Amino acid sequence: MANEEYIVTGYIYKVRNIYSLVLGRYRNGRLLYKGHITLGVSAGVIKTLVPTGRNPFSILPKGNENAIWVAHQVCTVEYIPNTKGAMRQPVFKGMRLDVYPEEVEE
């Protein structure tokens, strides 16, 4: 298992109080979309997020048409790495108030 920091950029309401966080990371000063995470995300986490109404990505990532964009915060994600560099079975582990979003780079 690996643990890494990601930037929470928004969330998507699914059904029956299930939410997914929209994640990103910086590369060369540009924020890149890195996927969603649902496991471990509670309504309590969503209540701490501050909506901004602004898509932070240069192009709206597919599947994020209904996202609520929020002020960026950093979270820790635990996952199984795969050979393609993607997160496999990611789990939200908590927010990192001691890390600034600008510090989260690939």
PDB file of N, CA and C in Angstrom:
ATOM      1  N   MET A   1       0.846  -1.182   0.000  1.00  0.00           N
ATOM      2  CA  MET A   1       0.000   0.000   0.000  1.00  0.00           C
ATOM      3  C   MET A   1       0.889   1.242   0.000  1.00  0.00           C
ATOM      4  N   ALA A   2       0.396   2.274  -0.649  1.00  0.00           N
ATOM      5  CA  ALA A   2       1.108   3.548  -0.695  1.00  0.00           C
ATOM      6  C   ALA A   2       0.212   4.629  -0.115  1.00  0.00           C
ATOM      7  N   ASN A   3       0.819   5.638   0.489  1.00  0.00           N
ATOM      8  CA  ASN A   3       0.112   6.814   0.988  1.00  0.00           C
ATOM      9  C   ASN A   3       0.688   8.030   0.296  1.00  0.00           C
ATOM     10  N   GLU A   4      -0.188   8.873  -0.252  1.00  0.00           N
ATOM     11  CA  GLU A   4       0.257  10.105  -0.889  1.00  0.00           C
ATOM     12  C   GLU A   4      -0.760  11.198  -0.648  1.00  0.00           C
ATOM     13  N   GLU A   5      -0.280  12.430  -0.796  1.00  0.00           N
ATOM     14  CA  GLU A   5      -1.152  13.585  -0.656  1.00  0.00           C
ATOM     15  C   GLU A   5      -1.720  13.971  -2.019  1.00  0.00           C
ATOM     16  N   TYR A   6      -2.971  14.391  -2.002  1.00  0.00           N
ATOM     17  CA  TYR A   6      -3.663  14.902  -3.186  1.00  0.00           C
ATOM     18  C   TYR A   6      -4.421  16.152  -2.789  1.00  0.00           C
ATOM     19  N   ILE A   7      -4.764  16.951  -3.774  1.00  0.00           N
ATOM     20  CA  ILE A   7      -5.525  18.177  -3.539  1.00  0.00           C
ATOM     21  C   ILE A   7      -6.996  17.884  -3.793  1.00  0.00           C
ATOM     22  N   VAL A   8      -7.831  18.171  -2.801  1.00  0.00           N
ATOM     23  CA  VAL A   8      -9.278  18.067  -2.977  1.00  0.00           C
ATOM     24  C   VAL A   8      -9.722  19.329  -3.704  1.00  0.00           C
ATOM     25  N   THR A   9     -10.289  19.158  -4.900  1.00  0.00           N
ATOM     26  CA  THR A   9     -10.705  20.302  -5.720  1.00  0.00           C
ATOM     27  C   THR A   9     -12.217  20.424  -5.813  1.00  0.00           C
ATOM     28  N   GLY A  10     -12.922  19.364  -5.434  1.00  0.00           N
ATOM     29  CA  GLY A  10     -14.378  19.374  -5.508  1.00  0.00           C
ATOM     30  C   GLY A  10     -14.941  18.059  -5.020  1.00  0.00           C
ATOM     31  N   TYR A  11     -16.270  17.953  -5.120  1.00  0.00           N
ATOM     32  CA  TYR A  11     -16.921  16.692  -4.765  1.00  0.00           C
ATOM     33  C   TYR A  11     -18.145  16.486  -5.634  1.00  0.00           C
ATOM     34  N   ILE A  12     -18.579  15.240  -5.701  1.00  0.00           N
ATOM     35  CA  ILE A  12     -19.755  14.864  -6.478  1.00  0.00           C
ATOM     36  C   ILE A  12     -20.666  14.053  -5.569  1.00  0.00           C
ATOM     37  N   TYR A  13     -21.942  14.465  -5.506  1.00  0.00           N
ATOM     38  CA  TYR A  13     -22.933  13.686  -4.761  1.00  0.00           C
ATOM     39  C   TYR A  13     -23.405  12.554  -5.655  1.00  0.00           C
ATOM     40  N   LYS A  14     -23.405  11.353  -5.138  1.00  0.00           N
ATOM     41  CA  LYS A  14     -23.857  10.199  -5.924  1.00  0.00           C
ATOM     42  C   LYS A  14     -25.286   9.846  -5.500  1.00  0.00           C
ATOM     43  N   VAL A  15     -25.479   8.893  -4.629  1.00  0.00           N
ATOM     44  CA  VAL A  15     -26.803   8.516  -4.124  1.00  0.00           C
ATOM     45  C   VAL A  15     -26.688   8.143  -2.658  1.00  0.00           C
ATOM     46  N   ARG A  16     -27.795   8.245  -1.945  1.00  0.00           N
ATOM     47  CA  ARG A  16     -27.868   7.812  -0.544  1.00  0.00           C
ATOM     48  C   ARG A  16     -26.687   8.296   0.296  1.00  0.00           C
ATOM     49  N   ASN A  17     -26.420   9.586   0.245  1.00  0.00           N
ATOM     50  CA  ASN A  17     -25.337  10.196   1.032  1.00  0.00           C
ATOM     51  C   ASN A  17     -23.962   9.620   0.728  1.00  0.00           C
ATOM     52  N   ILE A  18     -23.739   9.225  -0.511  1.00  0.00           N
ATOM     53  CA  ILE A  18     -22.419   8.783  -0.958  1.00  0.00           C
ATOM     54  C   ILE A  18     -21.810   9.905  -1.790  1.00  0.00           C
ATOM     55  N   TYR A  19     -20.586  10.263  -1.464  1.00  0.00           N
ATOM     56  CA  TYR A  19     -19.878  11.343  -2.137  1.00  0.00           C
ATOM     57  C   TYR A  19     -18.549  10.841  -2.673  1.00  0.00           C
ATOM     58  N   SER A  20     -18.096  11.474  -3.734  1.00  0.00           N
ATOM     59  CA  SER A  20     -16.744  11.255  -4.247  1.00  0.00           C
ATOM     60  C   SER A  20     -16.003  12.577  -4.222  1.00  0.00           C
ATOM     61  N   LEU A  21     -14.755  12.550  -3.792  1.00  0.00           N
ATOM     62  CA  LEU A  21     -13.911  13.735  -3.867  1.00  0.00           C
ATOM     63  C   LEU A  21     -13.221  13.758  -5.222  1.00  0.00           C
ATOM     64  N   VAL A  22     -13.089  14.948  -5.794  1.00  0.00           N
ATOM     65  CA  VAL A  22     -12.357  15.144  -7.048  1.00  0.00           C
ATOM     66  C   VAL A  22     -10.941  15.561  -6.658  1.00  0.00           C
ATOM     67  N   LEU A  23      -9.945  14.847  -7.172  1.00  0.00           N
ATOM     68  CA  LEU A  23      -8.560  15.057  -6.750  1.00  0.00           C
ATOM     69  C   LEU A  23      -7.687  15.612  -7.863  1.00  0.00           C
ATOM     70  N   GLY A  24      -6.652  16.351  -7.454  1.00  0.00           N
ATOM     71  CA  GLY A  24      -5.679  16.869  -8.398  1.00  0.00           C
ATOM     72  C   GLY A  24      -4.305  16.935  -7.762  1.00  0.00           C
ATOM     73  N   ARG A  25      -3.307  17.229  -8.592  1.00  0.00           N
ATOM     74  CA  ARG A  25      -1.924  17.462  -8.160  1.00  0.00           C
ATOM     75  C   ARG A  25      -1.293  18.432  -9.143  1.00  0.00           C
ATOM     76  N   TYR A  26      -0.290  19.143  -8.664  1.00  0.00           N
ATOM     77  CA  TYR A  26       0.416  20.082  -9.533  1.00  0.00           C
ATOM     78  C   TYR A  26       1.570  19.401 -10.258  1.00  0.00           C
ATOM     79  N   ARG A  27       1.786  19.842 -11.492  1.00  0.00           N
ATOM     80  CA  ARG A  27       2.980  19.472 -12.256  1.00  0.00           C
ATOM     81  C   ARG A  27       3.429  20.730 -12.985  1.00  0.00           C
ATOM     82  N   ASN A  28       4.633  21.183 -12.680  1.00  0.00           N
ATOM     83  CA  ASN A  28       5.183  22.401 -13.293  1.00  0.00           C
ATOM     84  C   ASN A  28       4.235  23.587 -13.134  1.00  0.00           C
ATOM     85  N   GLY A  29       3.635  23.705 -11.951  1.00  0.00           N
ATOM     86  CA  GLY A  29       2.765  24.837 -11.663  1.00  0.00           C
ATOM     87  C   GLY A  29       1.357  24.741 -12.219  1.00  0.00           C
ATOM     88  N   ARG A  30       1.037  23.648 -12.876  1.00  0.00           N
ATOM     89  CA  ARG A  30      -0.292  23.480 -13.478  1.00  0.00           C
ATOM     90  C   ARG A  30      -1.047  22.374 -12.737  1.00  0.00           C
ATOM     91  N   LEU A  31      -2.287  22.662 -12.343  1.00  0.00           N
ATOM     92  CA  LEU A  31      -3.100  21.684 -11.633  1.00  0.00           C
ATOM     93  C   LEU A  31      -3.655  20.656 -12.616  1.00  0.00           C
ATOM     94  N   LEU A  32      -3.394  19.380 -12.331  1.00  0.00           N
ATOM     95  CA  LEU A  32      -3.848  18.289 -13.187  1.00  0.00           C
ATOM     96  C   LEU A  32      -4.875  17.436 -12.456  1.00  0.00           C
ATOM     97  N   TYR A  33      -5.888  17.005 -13.171  1.00  0.00           N
ATOM     98  CA  TYR A  33      -6.914  16.113 -12.639  1.00  0.00           C
ATOM     99  C   TYR A  33      -6.309  14.728 -12.426  1.00  0.00           C
ATOM    100  N   LYS A  34      -6.563  14.137 -11.236  1.00  0.00           N
ATOM    101  CA  LYS A  34      -5.984  12.824 -10.928  1.00  0.00           C
ATOM    102  C   LYS A  34      -7.029  11.755 -10.610  1.00  0.00           C
ATOM    103  N   GLY A  35      -8.307  12.100 -10.592  1.00  0.00           N
ATOM    104  CA  GLY A  35      -9.335  11.086 -10.381  1.00  0.00           C
ATOM    105  C   GLY A  35     -10.270  11.406  -9.233  1.00  0.00           C
ATOM    106  N   HIS A  36     -11.044  10.380  -8.865  1.00  0.00           N
ATOM    107  CA  HIS A  36     -12.024  10.470  -7.781  1.00  0.00           C
ATOM    108  C   HIS A  36     -11.664   9.486  -6.675  1.00  0.00           C
ATOM    109  N   ILE A  37     -12.214   9.751  -5.507  1.00  0.00           N
ATOM    110  CA  ILE A  37     -12.109   8.799  -4.399  1.00  0.00           C
ATOM    111  C   ILE A  37     -13.438   8.810  -3.656  1.00  0.00           C
ATOM    112  N   THR A  38     -13.953   7.620  -3.353  1.00  0.00           N
ATOM    113  CA  THR A  38     -15.235   7.501  -2.661  1.00  0.00           C
ATOM    114  C   THR A  38     -15.080   6.810  -1.311  1.00  0.00           C
ATOM    115  N   LEU A  39     -14.293   5.737  -1.248  1.00  0.00           N
ATOM    116  CA  LEU A  39     -14.137   4.992   0.004  1.00  0.00           C
ATOM    117  C   LEU A  39     -13.535   5.878   1.089  1.00  0.00           C
ATOM    118  N   GLY A  40     -14.188   5.883   2.250  1.00  0.00           N
ATOM    119  CA  GLY A  40     -13.698   6.660   3.378  1.00  0.00           C
ATOM    120  C   GLY A  40     -14.210   8.082   3.445  1.00  0.00           C
ATOM    121  N   VAL A  41     -14.925   8.533   2.410  1.00  0.00           N
ATOM    122  CA  VAL A  41     -15.438   9.908   2.373  1.00  0.00           C
ATOM    123  C   VAL A  41     -16.815   9.934   3.030  1.00  0.00           C
ATOM    124  N   SER A  42     -16.966  10.761   4.066  1.00  0.00           N
ATOM    125  CA  SER A  42     -18.236  10.862   4.784  1.00  0.00           C
ATOM    126  C   SER A  42     -18.883  12.222   4.554  1.00  0.00           C
ATOM    127  N   ALA A  43     -20.153  12.318   4.918  1.00  0.00           N
ATOM    128  CA  ALA A  43     -20.857  13.597   4.837  1.00  0.00           C
ATOM    129  C   ALA A  43     -20.173  14.627   5.738  1.00  0.00           C
ATOM    130  N   GLY A  44     -19.574  14.180   6.834  1.00  0.00           N
ATOM    131  CA  GLY A  44     -18.844  15.086   7.721  1.00  0.00           C
ATOM    132  C   GLY A  44     -17.665  15.744   7.028  1.00  0.00           C
ATOM    133  N   VAL A  45     -16.965  14.995   6.189  1.00  0.00           N
ATOM    134  CA  VAL A  45     -15.850  15.559   5.413  1.00  0.00           C
ATOM    135  C   VAL A  45     -16.383  16.607   4.448  1.00  0.00           C
ATOM    136  N   ILE A  46     -17.474  16.301   3.770  1.00  0.00           N
ATOM    137  CA  ILE A  46     -18.057  17.221   2.791  1.00  0.00           C
ATOM    138  C   ILE A  46     -18.452  18.538   3.455  1.00  0.00           C
ATOM    139  N   LYS A  47     -18.958  18.482   4.679  1.00  0.00           N
ATOM    140  CA  LYS A  47     -19.389  19.698   5.397  1.00  0.00           C
ATOM    141  C   LYS A  47     -18.232  20.645   5.683  1.00  0.00           C
ATOM    142  N   THR A  48     -17.001  20.146   5.686  1.00  0.00           N
ATOM    143  CA  THR A  48     -15.845  21.007   5.963  1.00  0.00           C
ATOM    144  C   THR A  48     -15.361  21.749   4.721  1.00  0.00           C
ATOM    145  N   LEU A  49     -15.869  21.374   3.541  1.00  0.00           N
ATOM    146  CA  LEU A  49     -15.407  21.969   2.284  1.00  0.00           C
ATOM    147  C   LEU A  49     -16.172  23.246   1.975  1.00  0.00           C
ATOM    148  N   VAL A  50     -15.476  24.238   1.411  1.00  0.00           N
ATOM    149  CA  VAL A  50     -16.067  25.545   1.104  1.00  0.00           C
ATOM    150  C   VAL A  50     -16.239  25.683  -0.410  1.00  0.00           C
ATOM    151  N   PRO A  51     -17.489  25.703  -0.897  1.00  0.00           N
ATOM    152  CA  PRO A  51     -17.720  25.821  -2.346  1.00  0.00           C
ATOM    153  C   PRO A  51     -17.197  27.135  -2.919  1.00  0.00           C
ATOM    154  N   THR A  52     -16.644  27.051  -4.129  1.00  0.00           N
ATOM    155  CA  THR A  52     -16.171  28.253  -4.829  1.00  0.00           C
ATOM    156  C   THR A  52     -16.930  28.489  -6.128  1.00  0.00           C
ATOM    157  N   GLY A  53     -17.485  27.424  -6.706  1.00  0.00           N
ATOM    158  CA  GLY A  53     -18.188  27.550  -7.975  1.00  0.00           C
ATOM    159  C   GLY A  53     -17.277  27.644  -9.186  1.00  0.00           C
ATOM    160  N   ARG A  54     -15.964  27.478  -8.992  1.00  0.00           N
ATOM    161  CA  ARG A  54     -15.003  27.616 -10.097  1.00  0.00           C
ATOM    162  C   ARG A  54     -14.284  26.300 -10.375  1.00  0.00           C
ATOM    163  N   ASN A  55     -14.391  25.833 -11.617  1.00  0.00           N
ATOM    164  CA  ASN A  55     -13.649  24.650 -12.053  1.00  0.00           C
ATOM    165  C   ASN A  55     -12.165  25.022 -12.094  1.00  0.00           C
ATOM    166  N   PRO A  56     -11.304  24.335 -11.334  1.00  0.00           N
ATOM    167  CA  PRO A  56      -9.885  24.706 -11.290  1.00  0.00           C
ATOM    168  C   PRO A  56      -9.040  24.137 -12.429  1.00  0.00           C
ATOM    169  N   PHE A  57      -9.632  23.294 -13.254  1.00  0.00           N
ATOM    170  CA  PHE A  57      -8.880  22.649 -14.328  1.00  0.00           C
ATOM    171  C   PHE A  57      -9.083  23.404 -15.637  1.00  0.00           C
ATOM    172  N   SER A  58      -8.085  23.384 -16.500  1.00  0.00           N
ATOM    173  CA  SER A  58      -8.194  24.102 -17.773  1.00  0.00           C
ATOM    174  C   SER A  58      -9.268  23.490 -18.667  1.00  0.00           C
ATOM    175  N   ILE A  59      -9.477  22.190 -18.549  1.00  0.00           N
ATOM    176  CA  ILE A  59     -10.537  21.491 -19.279  1.00  0.00           C
ATOM    177  C   ILE A  59     -11.337  20.694 -18.260  1.00  0.00           C
ATOM    178  N   LEU A  60     -12.668  20.766 -18.348  1.00  0.00           N
ATOM    179  CA  LEU A  60     -13.512  20.019 -17.424  1.00  0.00           C
ATOM    180  C   LEU A  60     -13.299  18.521 -17.636  1.00  0.00           C
ATOM    181  N   PRO A  61     -12.798  17.819 -16.601  1.00  0.00           N
ATOM    182  CA  PRO A  61     -12.575  16.379 -16.756  1.00  0.00           C
ATOM    183  C   PRO A  61     -13.898  15.634 -16.941  1.00  0.00           C
ATOM    184  N   LYS A  62     -13.916  14.665 -17.838  1.00  0.00           N
ATOM    185  CA  LYS A  62     -15.105  13.866 -18.102  1.00  0.00           C
ATOM    186  C   LYS A  62     -15.605  13.229 -16.806  1.00  0.00           C
ATOM    187  N   GLY A  63     -16.916  13.245 -16.608  1.00  0.00           N
ATOM    188  CA  GLY A  63     -17.512  12.675 -15.407  1.00  0.00           C
ATOM    189  C   GLY A  63     -17.625  13.654 -14.258  1.00  0.00           C
ATOM    190  N   ASN A  64     -17.227  14.906 -14.481  1.00  0.00           N
ATOM    191  CA  ASN A  64     -17.259  15.916 -13.420  1.00  0.00           C
ATOM    192  C   ASN A  64     -18.240  17.046 -13.718  1.00  0.00           C
ATOM    193  N   GLU A  65     -19.191  16.799 -14.602  1.00  0.00           N
ATOM    194  CA  GLU A  65     -20.134  17.843 -14.997  1.00  0.00           C
ATOM    195  C   GLU A  65     -20.981  18.342 -13.824  1.00  0.00           C
ATOM    196  N   ASN A  66     -21.225  17.496 -12.828  1.00  0.00           N
ATOM    197  CA  ASN A  66     -22.043  17.874 -11.671  1.00  0.00           C
ATOM    198  C   ASN A  66     -21.213  18.147 -10.420  1.00  0.00           C
ATOM    199  N   ALA A  67     -19.927  18.324 -10.576  1.00  0.00           N
ATOM    200  CA  ALA A  67     -19.054  18.554  -9.418  1.00  0.00           C
ATOM    201  C   ALA A  67     -19.346  19.901  -8.772  1.00  0.00           C
ATOM    202  N   ILE A  68     -19.219  19.916  -7.459  1.00  0.00           N
ATOM    203  CA  ILE A  68     -19.246  21.149  -6.675  1.00  0.00           C
ATOM    204  C   ILE A  68     -17.781  21.470  -6.408  1.00  0.00           C
ATOM    205  N   TRP A  69     -17.286  22.559  -6.991  1.00  0.00           N
ATOM    206  CA  TRP A  69     -15.871  22.926  -6.848  1.00  0.00           C
ATOM    207  C   TRP A  69     -15.676  23.642  -5.528  1.00  0.00           C
ATOM    208  N   VAL A  70     -14.561  23.350  -4.856  1.00  0.00           N
ATOM    209  CA  VAL A  70     -14.331  23.866  -3.508  1.00  0.00           C
ATOM    210  C   VAL A  70     -12.951  24.505  -3.381  1.00  0.00           C
ATOM    211  N   ALA A  71     -12.789  25.277  -2.293  1.00  0.00           N
ATOM    212  CA  ALA A  71     -11.465  25.807  -1.951  1.00  0.00           C
ATOM    213  C   ALA A  71     -10.546  24.610  -1.707  1.00  0.00           C
ATOM    214  N   HIS A  72      -9.363  24.675  -2.253  1.00  0.00           N
ATOM    215  CA  HIS A  72      -8.457  23.527  -2.224  1.00  0.00           C
ATOM    216  C   HIS A  72      -7.945  23.222  -0.822  1.00  0.00           C
ATOM    217  N   GLN A  73      -7.972  21.933  -0.510  1.00  0.00           N
ATOM    218  CA  GLN A  73      -7.402  21.401   0.717  1.00  0.00           C
ATOM    219  C   GLN A  73      -6.632  20.139   0.350  1.00  0.00           C
ATOM    220  N   VAL A  74      -5.735  19.743   1.227  1.00  0.00           N
ATOM    221  CA  VAL A  74      -4.907  18.563   0.971  1.00  0.00           C
ATOM    222  C   VAL A  74      -5.430  17.388   1.798  1.00  0.00           C
ATOM    223  N   CYS A  75      -5.433  16.214   1.172  1.00  0.00           N
ATOM    224  CA  CYS A  75      -5.825  15.002   1.884  1.00  0.00           C
ATOM    225  C   CYS A  75      -4.794  13.904   1.631  1.00  0.00           C
ATOM    226  N   THR A  76      -4.838  12.888   2.481  1.00  0.00           N
ATOM    227  CA  THR A  76      -4.007  11.703   2.297  1.00  0.00           C
ATOM    228  C   THR A  76      -4.871  10.589   1.731  1.00  0.00           C
ATOM    229  N   VAL A  77      -4.328   9.904   0.733  1.00  0.00           N
ATOM    230  CA  VAL A  77      -5.012   8.784   0.097  1.00  0.00           C
ATOM    231  C   VAL A  77      -4.110   7.556   0.198  1.00  0.00           C
ATOM    232  N   GLU A  78      -4.696   6.451   0.630  1.00  0.00           N
ATOM    233  CA  GLU A  78      -3.983   5.173   0.655  1.00  0.00           C
ATOM    234  C   GLU A  78      -4.492   4.344  -0.521  1.00  0.00           C
ATOM    235  N   TYR A  79      -3.589   3.717  -1.250  1.00  0.00           N
ATOM    236  CA  TYR A  79      -4.000   2.956  -2.424  1.00  0.00           C
ATOM    237  C   TYR A  79      -2.968   1.888  -2.763  1.00  0.00           C
ATOM    238  N   ILE A  80      -3.367   0.999  -3.657  1.00  0.00           N
ATOM    239  CA  ILE A  80      -2.457  -0.011  -4.197  1.00  0.00           C
ATOM    240  C   ILE A  80      -1.909   0.536  -5.508  1.00  0.00           C
ATOM    241  N   PRO A  81      -0.599   0.739  -5.619  1.00  0.00           N
ATOM    242  CA  PRO A  81      -0.042   1.245  -6.877  1.00  0.00           C
ATOM    243  C   PRO A  81      -0.167   0.191  -7.982  1.00  0.00           C
ATOM    244  N   ASN A  82      -0.301   0.661  -9.216  1.00  0.00           N
ATOM    245  CA  ASN A  82      -0.263  -0.275 -10.337  1.00  0.00           C
ATOM    246  C   ASN A  82       0.779   0.185 -11.342  1.00  0.00           C
ATOM    247  N   THR A  83       1.033  -0.623 -12.335  1.00  0.00           N
ATOM    248  CA  THR A  83       2.113  -0.339 -13.281  1.00  0.00           C
ATOM    249  C   THR A  83       1.821   0.838 -14.196  1.00  0.00           C
ATOM    250  N   LYS A  84       0.572   1.273 -14.279  1.00  0.00           N
ATOM    251  CA  LYS A  84       0.212   2.405 -15.135  1.00  0.00           C
ATOM    252  C   LYS A  84       0.246   3.730 -14.376  1.00  0.00           C
ATOM    253  N   GLY A  85       0.639   3.693 -13.107  1.00  0.00           N
ATOM    254  CA  GLY A  85       0.736   4.910 -12.325  1.00  0.00           C
ATOM    255  C   GLY A  85      -0.579   5.397 -11.760  1.00  0.00           C
ATOM    256  N   ALA A  86      -1.630   4.613 -11.890  1.00  0.00           N
ATOM    257  CA  ALA A  86      -2.945   4.999 -11.381  1.00  0.00           C
ATOM    258  C   ALA A  86      -3.135   4.463  -9.962  1.00  0.00           C
ATOM    259  N   MET A  87      -4.108   5.041  -9.255  1.00  0.00           N
ATOM    260  CA  MET A  87      -4.447   4.556  -7.924  1.00  0.00           C
ATOM    261  C   MET A  87      -5.429   3.398  -8.068  1.00  0.00           C
ATOM    262  N   ARG A  88      -5.151   2.310  -7.391  1.00  0.00           N
ATOM    263  CA  ARG A  88      -6.051   1.168  -7.388  1.00  0.00           C
ATOM    264  C   ARG A  88      -6.631   1.025  -5.992  1.00  0.00           C
ATOM    265  N   GLN A  89      -7.940   0.923  -5.891  1.00  0.00           N
ATOM    266  CA  GLN A  89      -8.659   0.824  -4.625  1.00  0.00           C
ATOM    267  C   GLN A  89      -8.264   1.935  -3.651  1.00  0.00           C
ATOM    268  N   PRO A  90      -8.382   3.198  -4.068  1.00  0.00           N
ATOM    269  CA  PRO A  90      -7.995   4.303  -3.185  1.00  0.00           C
ATOM    270  C   PRO A  90      -8.964   4.473  -2.016  1.00  0.00           C
ATOM    271  N   VAL A  91      -8.406   4.838  -0.864  1.00  0.00           N
ATOM    272  CA  VAL A  91      -9.190   5.071   0.346  1.00  0.00           C
ATOM    273  C   VAL A  91      -8.785   6.422   0.927  1.00  0.00           C
ATOM    274  N   PHE A  92      -9.765   7.276   1.211  1.00  0.00           N
ATOM    275  CA  PHE A  92      -9.533   8.565   1.854  1.00  0.00           C
ATOM    276  C   PHE A  92      -9.123   8.310   3.296  1.00  0.00           C
ATOM    277  N   LYS A  93      -7.985   8.881   3.710  1.00  0.00           N
ATOM    278  CA  LYS A  93      -7.478   8.671   5.063  1.00  0.00           C
ATOM    279  C   LYS A  93      -7.609   9.902   5.957  1.00  0.00           C
ATOM    280  N   GLY A  94      -7.873  11.077   5.371  1.00  0.00           N
ATOM    281  CA  GLY A  94      -8.050  12.273   6.181  1.00  0.00           C
ATOM    282  C   GLY A  94      -7.430  13.501   5.542  1.00  0.00           C
ATOM    283  N   MET A  95      -7.803  14.662   6.086  1.00  0.00           N
ATOM    284  CA  MET A  95      -7.286  15.940   5.597  1.00  0.00           C
ATOM    285  C   MET A  95      -5.925  16.218   6.230  1.00  0.00           C
ATOM    286  N   ARG A  96      -5.105  16.978   5.516  1.00  0.00           N
ATOM    287  CA  ARG A  96      -3.778  17.382   5.982  1.00  0.00           C
ATOM    288  C   ARG A  96      -3.763  18.904   6.098  1.00  0.00           C
ATOM    289  N   LEU A  97      -4.063  19.415   7.257  1.00  0.00           N
ATOM    290  CA  LEU A  97      -4.102  20.859   7.459  1.00  0.00           C
ATOM    291  C   LEU A  97      -2.711  21.470   7.547  1.00  0.00           C
ATOM    292  N   ASP A  98      -1.676  20.624   7.658  1.00  0.00           N
ATOM    293  CA  ASP A  98      -0.301  21.108   7.777  1.00  0.00           C
ATOM    294  C   ASP A  98       0.414  21.204   6.430  1.00  0.00           C
ATOM    295  N   VAL A  99      -0.288  20.916   5.337  1.00  0.00           N
ATOM    296  CA  VAL A  99       0.311  20.949   4.002  1.00  0.00           C
ATOM    297  C   VAL A  99      -0.505  21.894   3.126  1.00  0.00           C
ATOM    298  N   TYR A 100       0.184  22.793   2.417  1.00  0.00           N
ATOM    299  CA  TYR A 100      -0.488  23.706   1.489  1.00  0.00           C
ATOM    300  C   TYR A 100      -0.705  23.015   0.146  1.00  0.00           C
ATOM    301  N   PRO A 101      -1.834  23.293  -0.516  1.00  0.00           N
ATOM    302  CA  PRO A 101      -2.089  22.675  -1.823  1.00  0.00           C
ATOM    303  C   PRO A 101      -0.953  22.876  -2.824  1.00  0.00           C
ATOM    304  N   GLU A 102      -0.314  24.034  -2.812  1.00  0.00           N
ATOM    305  CA  GLU A 102       0.765  24.331  -3.755  1.00  0.00           C
ATOM    306  C   GLU A 102       1.973  23.418  -3.572  1.00  0.00           C
ATOM    307  N   GLU A 103       2.063  22.762  -2.414  1.00  0.00           N
ATOM    308  CA  GLU A 103       3.180  21.858  -2.123  1.00  0.00           C
ATOM    309  C   GLU A 103       2.965  20.445  -2.676  1.00  0.00           C
ATOM    310  N   VAL A 104       1.765  20.159  -3.157  1.00  0.00           N
ATOM    311  CA  VAL A 104       1.429  18.804  -3.609  1.00  0.00           C
ATOM    312  C   VAL A 104       1.698  18.695  -5.103  1.00  0.00           C
ATOM    313  N   GLU A 105       2.862  18.143  -5.432  1.00  0.00           N
ATOM    314  CA  GLU A 105       3.281  18.005  -6.829  1.00  0.00           C
ATOM    315  C   GLU A 105       3.603  16.558  -7.141  1.00  0.00           C
ATOM    316  N   GLU A 106       3.573  16.248  -8.430  1.00  0.00           N
ATOM    317  CA  GLU A 106       3.947  14.904  -8.885  1.00  0.00           C
ATOM    318  C   GLU A 106       5.442  14.744  -8.822  1.00  0.00           C
TER     319      GLU A 106
END
